[in-house]
C-alpha atoms as a PDB file:
ATOM      1  CA  GLY A   1     -26.418 199.330 -44.765  1.00  0.00           C
ATOM      2  CA  ASP A   2     -24.774 199.202 -41.388  1.00  0.00           C
ATOM      3  CA  PRO A   3     -26.857 199.713 -38.287  1.00  0.00           C
ATOM      4  CA  ILE A   4     -26.565 202.991 -36.411  1.00  0.00           C
ATOM      5  CA  ASP A   5     -23.792 203.241 -33.773  1.00  0.00           C
ATOM      6  CA  THR A   6     -21.312 201.162 -35.753  1.00  0.00           C
ATOM      7  CA  PHE A   7     -17.781 201.868 -34.542  1.00  0.00           C
ATOM      8  CA  VAL A   8     -15.714 203.772 -37.109  1.00  0.00           C
ATOM      9  CA  ALA A   9     -12.592 205.038 -35.351  1.00  0.00           C
ATOM     10  CA  LEU A  10     -11.006 205.857 -32.020  1.00  0.00           C
ATOM     11  CA  VAL A  11      -9.675 209.396 -31.668  1.00  0.00           C
ATOM     12  CA  ARG A  12      -7.211 210.180 -28.894  1.00  0.00           C
ATOM     13  CA  VAL A  13      -6.271 213.779 -28.152  1.00  0.00           C
ATOM     14  CA  GLN A  14      -3.505 215.079 -25.909  1.00  0.00           C
ATOM     15  CA  ASP A  15      -2.641 218.527 -24.619  1.00  0.00           C
ATOM     16  CA  LYS A  16       0.378 218.914 -22.345  1.00  0.00           C
ATOM     17  CA  ASP A  17      -0.785 222.214 -20.854  1.00  0.00           C
ATOM     18  CA  SER A  18      -2.289 222.334 -17.370  1.00  0.00           C
ATOM     19  CA  GLY A  19      -5.582 223.779 -16.185  1.00  0.00           C
ATOM     20  CA  LEU A  20      -8.046 225.109 -18.737  1.00  0.00           C
ATOM     21  CA  ASN A  21      -5.266 225.325 -21.313  1.00  0.00           C
ATOM     22  CA  GLY A  22      -5.103 221.530 -21.255  1.00  0.00           C
ATOM     23  CA  GLU A  23      -8.852 220.877 -21.296  1.00  0.00           C
ATOM     24  CA  ILE A  24      -9.921 219.796 -24.734  1.00  0.00           C
ATOM     25  CA  VAL A  25     -13.233 219.945 -26.527  1.00  0.00           C
ATOM     26  CA  CYS A  26     -13.586 217.877 -29.682  1.00  0.00           C
ATOM     27  CA  LYS A  27     -16.075 218.528 -32.455  1.00  0.00           C
ATOM     28  CA  LEU A  28     -16.832 216.534 -35.546  1.00  0.00           C
ATOM     29  CA  HIS A  29     -17.588 218.364 -38.770  1.00  0.00           C
ATOM     30  CA  GLY A  30     -18.766 216.860 -41.977  1.00  0.00           C
ATOM     31  CA  HIS A  31     -21.861 214.825 -42.419  1.00  0.00           C
ATOM     32  CA  GLY A  32     -24.741 214.090 -40.120  1.00  0.00           C
ATOM     33  CA  HIS A  33     -23.874 210.454 -40.833  1.00  0.00           C
ATOM     34  CA  PHE A  34     -21.308 210.292 -38.030  1.00  0.00           C
ATOM     35  CA  LYS A  35     -21.081 211.383 -34.428  1.00  0.00           C
ATOM     36  CA  LEU A  36     -18.404 211.795 -31.799  1.00  0.00           C
ATOM     37  CA  GLN A  37     -18.874 210.085 -28.459  1.00  0.00           C
ATOM     38  CA  LYS A  38     -16.546 210.788 -25.549  1.00  0.00           C
ATOM     39  CA  THR A  39     -15.446 207.626 -23.787  1.00  0.00           C
ATOM     40  CA  TYR A  40     -13.008 208.636 -21.050  1.00  0.00           C
ATOM     41  CA  GLU A  41     -10.605 211.533 -20.602  1.00  0.00           C
ATOM     42  CA  ASN A  42      -9.602 212.616 -24.085  1.00  0.00           C
ATOM     43  CA  ASN A  43     -10.654 209.533 -25.988  1.00  0.00           C
ATOM     44  CA  TYR A  44     -13.511 209.754 -28.434  1.00  0.00           C
ATOM     45  CA  LEU A  45     -15.282 207.219 -30.594  1.00  0.00           C
ATOM     46  CA  ILE A  46     -16.507 208.075 -34.037  1.00  0.00           C
ATOM     47  CA  LEU A  47     -19.740 206.171 -34.593  1.00  0.00           C
ATOM     48  CA  THR A  48     -22.192 206.064 -37.439  1.00  0.00           C
ATOM     49  CA  ASN A  49     -25.282 208.174 -36.898  1.00  0.00           C
ATOM     50  CA  ALA A  50     -27.216 206.871 -39.893  1.00  0.00           C
ATOM     51  CA  THR A  51     -27.338 203.882 -42.159  1.00  0.00           C
ATOM     52  CA  LEU A  52     -24.612 204.173 -44.778  1.00  0.00           C
ATOM     53  CA  ASP A  53     -25.144 202.785 -48.244  1.00  0.00           C
ATOM     54  CA  ARG A  54     -22.109 202.320 -50.423  1.00  0.00           C
ATOM     55  CA  GLU A  55     -24.270 202.407 -53.510  1.00  0.00           C
ATOM     56  CA  LYS A  56     -25.075 206.034 -52.686  1.00  0.00           C
ATOM     57  CA  ARG A  57     -21.624 207.046 -51.555  1.00  0.00           C
ATOM     58  CA  SER A  58     -18.393 205.099 -51.124  1.00  0.00           C
ATOM     59  CA  GLU A  59     -16.424 207.477 -48.927  1.00  0.00           C
ATOM     60  CA  TYR A  60     -16.913 210.329 -46.515  1.00  0.00           C
ATOM     61  CA  SER A  61     -14.497 213.068 -45.526  1.00  0.00           C
ATOM     62  CA  LEU A  62     -14.597 213.905 -41.843  1.00  0.00           C
ATOM     63  CA  THR A  63     -12.949 216.700 -39.926  1.00  0.00           C
ATOM     64  CA  VAL A  64     -12.265 216.518 -36.200  1.00  0.00           C
ATOM     65  CA  ILE A  65     -11.460 219.800 -34.481  1.00  0.00           C
ATOM     66  CA  ALA A  66      -9.816 219.694 -31.066  1.00  0.00           C
ATOM     67  CA  GLU A  67      -9.657 222.969 -29.182  1.00  0.00           C
ATOM     68  CA  ASP A  68      -8.481 223.754 -25.692  1.00  0.00           C
ATOM     69  CA  LYS A  69     -10.235 226.059 -23.254  1.00  0.00           C
ATOM     70  CA  GLY A  70      -7.382 228.523 -22.971  1.00  0.00           C
ATOM     71  CA  THR A  71      -7.663 232.200 -23.887  1.00  0.00           C
ATOM     72  CA  PRO A  72      -7.095 232.508 -26.749  1.00  0.00           C
ATOM     73  CA  SER A  73      -7.908 228.888 -27.415  1.00  0.00           C
ATOM     74  CA  LEU A  74      -5.594 226.822 -29.584  1.00  0.00           C
ATOM     75  CA  SER A  75      -7.001 224.249 -31.936  1.00  0.00           C
ATOM     76  CA  THR A  76      -5.859 221.444 -34.175  1.00  0.00           C
ATOM     77  CA  VAL A  77      -7.753 220.109 -37.148  1.00  0.00           C
ATOM     78  CA  LYS A  78      -7.496 216.533 -38.393  1.00  0.00           C
ATOM     79  CA  HIS A  79      -8.998 215.393 -41.680  1.00  0.00           C
ATOM     80  CA  PHE A  80      -9.615 211.806 -42.572  1.00  0.00           C
ATOM     81  CA  THR A  81     -11.581 209.739 -45.004  1.00  0.00           C
ATOM     82  CA  VAL A  82     -13.930 206.893 -44.143  1.00  0.00           C
ATOM     83  CA  GLN A  83     -14.235 204.204 -46.809  1.00  0.00           C
ATOM     84  CA  ILE A  84     -17.541 202.388 -46.920  1.00  0.00           C
ATOM     85  CA  ASN A  85     -17.334 198.690 -47.730  1.00  0.00           C
ATOM     86  CA  ASP A  86     -20.039 197.191 -49.823  1.00  0.00           C
ATOM     87  CA  ILE A  87     -22.339 194.935 -47.890  1.00  0.00           C
ATOM     88  CA  ASN A  88     -23.903 191.867 -49.357  1.00  0.00           C
ATOM     89  CA  ASP A  89     -27.327 193.208 -50.171  1.00  0.00           C
ATOM     90  CA  ASN A  90     -27.981 191.555 -53.533  1.00  0.00           C
ATOM     91  CA  PRO A  91     -29.022 187.902 -53.500  1.00  0.00           C
ATOM     92  CA  PRO A  92     -28.017 185.671 -56.375  1.00  0.00           C
ATOM     93  CA  HIS A  93     -30.722 185.100 -58.943  1.00  0.00           C
ATOM     94  CA  PHE A  94     -31.319 182.791 -61.883  1.00  0.00           C
ATOM     95  CA  GLN A  95     -31.355 184.142 -65.425  1.00  0.00           C
END
């Protein structure tokens, strides 16, 4: 499968409020196969956290939750599906 830390997606979050109401914390829910890494400001990378094998599973459903630090805090949930492409892991062989 793919090595760990393979780039999956870029997530960009915006909140037009000021102060704590505009500060965002992002969390990734789903499988331990992926992780969220903050790059700068409100940009996050979704990276693989494990080797993925299409023969075991061809797609994963991920949920990203963005919540601000206001009181009460407001949050937005985004669902998306990651398709796993098959890698070439079977050599040709003679009959």
